[in-house]
């Protein structure tokens, strides 16, 4: 059966438990006598969730306090015991979300993912444990910066999120309960409507992410950029840049399939090509393929590894 999972992530005492309680108290989300819900708690904070407070026998709680116990058999056994049709999970902030994705039972899917952060210390977490912060931001639909006040630097929090995702919604919650959504505009550093979209040497990561999130926007557009050839075959090659999201350990090559010949692996080219969405054996599926227009050898950029900063 299909089981929607509503995932709540964040570090200890970031406000996850309170929000779960408010969610279950909302009649638009939880209809008594209809929605059998399993709540899985993966850490203990200052605030505790009391299922009895909902006045319904249809809310069940379970505790998983070790990451090794997050596995398909354990999760499905908990759901089956509760007879639940959906799951809410308060995930431990020190565990990687990507490990949870890999451990979901068949039929389970992430319906919504929320990241909660204390505005007073999230930048410290980011400075010292950036891999954990990026892990939580990468797939979430909404970030809630709680305990926010007007003396704080909203732009710093905004940039923290946008450095990882352009699609994630951002909300700021004040101590008095007021909340407001982020309305800061993020213009791209290149013109997607230009006859030739010029991608600056520092902007490859932003371009590659925006292309991945908005494929239809780029279909039929011509781009020019500096990239490194990687993966030459008889009928084409891949060209792009290594991208670092948060740390050296996560550097990976992010490239586009290109139709053309006469290039060598490792070469740096200033390439112009037209993006067409079609199937490519480089991807094993449909994706953005560059129709080769022109290219010229060029020197590698000062820092070959592209970042989002």
Foldseek 3Di string as FASTA:
>chain_A
DAAEEEEEEEAAPLCRQVVVQVQCLDCVRHPAPPFQEEEEEADDHPDDDDPVVSVHPRYHYDYDPDPVCLAQVNVVVSCVVSVGRYYYYYDHLVDFVVSNVVRHHPNYDHPAYEYGGALVCVVVCCVPPVVSVLRRLQDHQEYEHEQDDPVDDVVVVVCSNVLRDPRHWYKYAHPVGDIDTDDDDDDQPWDLPDQETEADQQRQVVVLRVCVVCVVSQAFHKYWYKWFWDADDPFWTWTGFFEDSRDPVPTDTRTAIEGDDDDDGGFIKGFMFGWHFQDDPVVNGTDTYTYGDDIDTDDQPPDRYHGSD
